[in-house]
C-alpha cells in the first residue's frame, strides 16, 4: 500500500505526465492544423471527450453507493443520468451535435477506432452497473466493475489525447487554451475517481488498491488545482483569465479543503459514518460540476480572440 508521501511523489510525476502530451502537441500538430479551415467544435470536442473519463468513474461510485445503501435514490438517478450522458457524448463525437457545438461527423480513422473501442468496453460495464441492488450480495460485482473501470478510463484518456492532437490548432484553438480545457476536464475525472475510491474503501471492496489510487489522485488533484489557480509558467499554464473562472476555482478550493479530514480517515482505515459518506459523495459531485463549469468557461474564453 502506498503511503501519502509516496502518493504525493507519484502525483507529481503524474502531473508531469498529464502536461507532457500537451507540450508535445505544441510542436507536433502545427502542420496538421493547417488542414482545418474553420472551427468545427475543436474545443467542444476536447471538453466533452474529457467527460467520458469522468463518467467511467462516476458510474462505479454511484453503483457502489447503491450497493452500500448510501443515498440510494440519488445514486440511482446519477447512474442513469451518467449512462444517458455517456451515450449522448459518444454519438456527438461520432456524428456531430450542434447543441453541443460539435459540427460534422468524425472521419479520422484513428479517432474512430478509439471511440469504437471505448463503446465496446462501455456497454457490458453499464449493463452490470444497472443490475446492482441495494445492499445485495453483489460486492464481487462491484469489485469487478471497479477493475473494469480502469481500462475504460485509460481508453477514454487516450481518446482525449487523440482529439486534442487532432483539433488543437492555431486557427481555431490555441494550445495554451487546449491545455487549460484538458486539465479542467481531468479534475472532473479525478473528483469522480476519488468518490469511487472513498466508497470502495468504506464498503470494504478492493480496499488496498482503492487506498493507493486515492493517495495518488488526491495529491494530483491538489497539485493541479494549485497550478490552475496560480498559474504554472514552466509548463504553459496561465492564471485564471476571467473573474468567473477564478471564482469557480475558489469554490473548488473551499470544498476540497472541507473534505480533507474524510480523505485522511479513509487513508488511515478509519470508519466513516453513513452521514459523512453521503456528504463526501455530494461534495465530489459538487466539485465535479464546478470543474465542468470552469472547463466550459475556459472553452468560451478560448474563442474570444477568434
Foldseek 3Di string as FASTA:
>chain_A
DDALVVLLVVLVVVLCVLLVLLVVLLPVQAVVQVPDDDCQCLLLLLQLLLVQLLLLLLLLLLLLCQLAVFPNVVSLVSNVVSVVSNVVSLCCQAANDVVSSHHGGDDDVVLVVLSVVLVVLPVVLSVLSNPRHHNDPCLVSSLVSVVSSVVSSVSSVVSSSVSCSNRQYPPAHDSLLSSLLNLLSVLLSLLSLLSSLLSCLQVVHPLVVSLSSNSNSLSNSVVSLVCACPNDPVSNHDHDPDPLLNVLSVVLVVLSVVCVVVNVCSNVSHHDDSVVNNVSNVSSVVSSVSSSVSSVVSSVVRRPVD
